Amino acid sequence: MQDLTLKPLGRIALVSLLIGAATIAVFLFEQARGYSYEAAQTMAVNTLVLGQMFYLLNSRYLRASSLRRALCVTNPVIWMAVGLLVLLQLVFVYAPFMNTWFHSTPLAPLDWLLPIAIGFGIFLAVEGEKAIARRLAARAGAVAAPSGGATK
């Protein structure tokens, strides 16, 4: 039982650190580039949300790769959730009342590229971690399994 609970929690901790660090880094990077506090804050929130959205796609399979067609066709609810998330994020960024409430600001379309790239990078990092875990598990299984022949 311990094996089943610690590995997902370890991945959650890893992804939380990645998304948190990326969010802070984007905020500081955009301020250093001369963006206003509000624009840097909006970019950071977009990075946080898109990082979580891409992790949602990773979470469809705990150990298997999410880079397969089944991700696209086996669970339509995930795509409804992604669509709703994108819609709400667009409202957050572009609706004037949201800008007032959250001290955010509308972004230029190109400003979305960095948060999307970071989200996709997080997706790929988790896929890499899954691949390494599968390879280590296969190697451990090969070591634990008898290689055949006579036993003493």
Protein backbone atom coordinates (compact mmCIF):
# COMPACT_ATOMS: atom_id res chain seq x y z
CA MET A 1 0.00 0.00 0.00
CA GLN A 2 2.84 2.36 0.83
CA ASP A 3 4.25 1.91 -2.69
CA LEU A 4 0.95 3.02 -4.24
CA THR A 5 0.57 6.19 -2.16
CA LEU A 6 4.08 7.61 -2.04
CA LYS A 7 4.82 7.64 -5.75
CA PRO A 8 1.79 9.76 -6.75
CA LEU A 9 2.47 12.09 -3.81
CA GLY A 10 6.09 12.41 -4.91
CA ARG A 11 4.96 13.32 -8.42
CA ILE A 12 2.48 15.85 -7.04
CA ALA A 13 5.27 17.42 -4.97
CA LEU A 14 7.58 17.52 -8.00
CA VAL A 15 4.95 19.09 -10.25
CA SER A 16 3.95 21.57 -7.54
CA LEU A 17 7.55 22.71 -7.24
CA LEU A 18 7.91 22.96 -11.03
CA ILE A 19 4.71 24.97 -11.47
CA GLY A 20 5.44 27.17 -8.45
CA ALA A 21 8.99 27.89 -9.55
CA ALA A 22 7.86 28.59 -13.12
CA THR A 23 5.15 30.95 -11.90
CA ILE A 24 7.57 32.97 -9.78
CA ALA A 25 10.21 32.93 -12.53
CA VAL A 26 7.76 34.25 -15.12
CA PHE A 27 6.65 37.04 -12.78
CA LEU A 28 10.26 38.11 -12.12
CA PHE A 29 11.24 37.70 -15.79
CA GLU A 30 8.38 39.85 -17.02
CA GLN A 31 9.08 42.56 -14.45
CA ALA A 32 12.75 42.55 -15.50
CA ARG A 33 11.60 42.98 -19.13
CA GLY A 34 9.75 46.11 -18.10
CA TYR A 35 6.22 44.75 -17.87
CA SER A 36 3.96 46.49 -15.38
CA TYR A 37 3.26 44.78 -12.07
CA GLU A 38 -0.24 43.94 -13.32
CA ALA A 39 1.00 42.46 -16.61
CA ALA A 40 3.69 40.40 -14.85
CA GLN A 41 1.09 39.20 -12.36
CA THR A 42 -1.30 38.23 -15.16
CA MET A 43 1.47 36.33 -16.94
CA ALA A 44 2.30 34.51 -13.70
CA VAL A 45 -1.34 33.52 -13.16
CA ASN A 46 -1.55 32.26 -16.75
CA THR A 47 1.60 30.20 -16.17
CA LEU A 48 0.10 28.70 -13.02
CA VAL A 49 -3.22 27.86 -14.68
CA LEU A 50 -1.72 26.46 -17.88
CA GLY A 51 0.83 24.42 -15.92
CA GLN A 52 -2.04 22.86 -13.98
CA MET A 53 -4.02 22.30 -17.17
CA PHE A 54 -1.17 20.42 -18.82
CA TYR A 55 -0.67 18.39 -15.63
CA LEU A 56 -4.36 17.47 -15.78
CA LEU A 57 -3.63 15.86 -19.15
CA ASN A 58 -0.69 13.96 -17.60
CA SER A 59 -2.84 12.73 -14.74
CA ARG A 60 -5.10 10.72 -17.05
CA TYR A 61 -2.64 7.83 -16.70
CA LEU A 62 -0.62 7.31 -13.54
CA ARG A 63 2.14 5.19 -15.07
CA ALA A 64 1.40 4.90 -18.80
CA SER A 65 2.30 7.63 -21.24
CA SER A 66 -0.31 10.27 -21.95
CA LEU A 67 1.20 10.73 -25.40
CA ARG A 68 -1.29 8.50 -27.15
CA ARG A 69 -4.55 8.70 -29.04
CA ALA A 70 -6.56 7.24 -26.16
CA LEU A 71 -6.08 10.50 -24.27
CA CYS A 72 -8.06 12.27 -26.98
CA VAL A 73 -10.99 9.88 -27.27
CA THR A 74 -11.56 7.96 -24.04
CA ASN A 75 -12.64 10.77 -21.73
CA PRO A 76 -14.63 13.63 -23.25
CA VAL A 77 -15.11 15.19 -19.81
CA ILE A 78 -11.44 16.13 -19.66
CA TRP A 79 -11.86 18.19 -22.84
CA MET A 80 -14.93 19.90 -21.40
CA ALA A 81 -12.88 20.75 -18.31
CA VAL A 82 -10.00 22.07 -20.44
CA GLY A 83 -12.42 24.13 -22.56
CA LEU A 84 -14.08 25.60 -19.46
CA LEU A 85 -10.68 26.33 -17.92
CA VAL A 86 -9.53 28.15 -21.07
CA LEU A 87 -12.79 30.12 -21.23
CA LEU A 88 -12.54 31.18 -17.59
CA GLN A 89 -8.89 32.15 -18.06
CA LEU A 90 -9.82 34.31 -21.04
CA VAL A 91 -12.47 36.00 -18.90
CA PHE A 92 -9.86 36.55 -16.17
CA VAL A 93 -7.45 38.15 -18.63
CA TYR A 94 -9.78 40.18 -20.85
CA ALA A 95 -12.94 41.04 -18.88
CA PRO A 96 -12.64 44.58 -17.49
CA PHE A 97 -14.44 43.72 -14.23
CA MET A 98 -11.95 40.89 -13.62
CA ASN A 99 -9.04 43.24 -14.33
CA THR A 100 -10.44 45.58 -11.70
CA TRP A 101 -11.10 42.87 -9.11
CA PHE A 102 -7.77 41.06 -9.52
CA HIS A 103 -5.52 43.92 -10.65
CA SER A 104 -4.76 42.01 -13.83
CA THR A 105 -4.45 43.41 -17.32
CA PRO A 106 -5.26 42.23 -20.85
CA LEU A 107 -2.33 40.61 -22.62
CA ALA A 108 -1.20 40.67 -26.23
CA PRO A 109 -1.76 37.36 -28.04
CA LEU A 110 2.00 36.68 -28.17
CA ASP A 111 2.14 36.90 -24.37
CA TRP A 112 0.32 33.57 -24.22
CA LEU A 113 3.23 31.73 -25.85
CA LEU A 114 5.47 31.67 -22.77
CA PRO A 115 2.86 30.21 -20.37
CA ILE A 116 1.80 27.66 -23.03
CA ALA A 117 5.43 26.65 -23.62
CA ILE A 118 6.05 26.29 -19.89
CA GLY A 119 2.86 24.24 -19.47
CA PHE A 120 3.92 21.96 -22.33
CA GLY A 121 7.39 21.70 -20.79
CA ILE A 122 5.83 20.55 -17.52
CA PHE A 123 3.78 18.01 -19.48
CA LEU A 124 6.96 16.67 -21.11
CA ALA A 125 8.85 16.62 -17.80
CA VAL A 126 6.13 14.47 -16.21
CA GLU A 127 6.10 12.19 -19.27
CA GLY A 128 9.88 11.85 -18.87
CA GLU A 129 9.49 10.99 -15.20
CA LYS A 130 6.88 8.35 -16.07
CA ALA A 131 9.18 6.85 -18.73
CA ILE A 132 12.08 6.65 -16.27
CA ALA A 133 9.82 5.07 -13.64
CA ARG A 134 8.57 2.48 -16.17
CA ARG A 135 12.12 1.67 -17.22
CA LEU A 136 13.28 1.29 -13.60
CA ALA A 137 10.27 -0.90 -12.78
CA ALA A 138 10.96 -3.11 -15.81
CA ARG A 139 14.62 -3.39 -14.82
CA ALA A 140 13.68 -4.25 -11.21
CA GLY A 141 11.21 -6.85 -12.51
CA ALA A 142 13.88 -8.40 -14.72
CA VAL A 143 16.29 -8.62 -11.77
CA ALA A 144 13.66 -10.10 -9.45
CA ALA A 145 12.36 -12.65 -11.97
CA PRO A 146 14.32 -15.91 -12.35
CA SER A 147 16.26 -16.05 -15.58
CA GLY A 148 15.32 -19.67 -16.24
CA GLY A 149 17.31 -22.84 -15.90
CA ALA A 150 17.71 -25.08 -12.87
CA THR A 151 17.19 -23.72 -9.38
CA LYS A 152 18.92 -24.99 -6.27
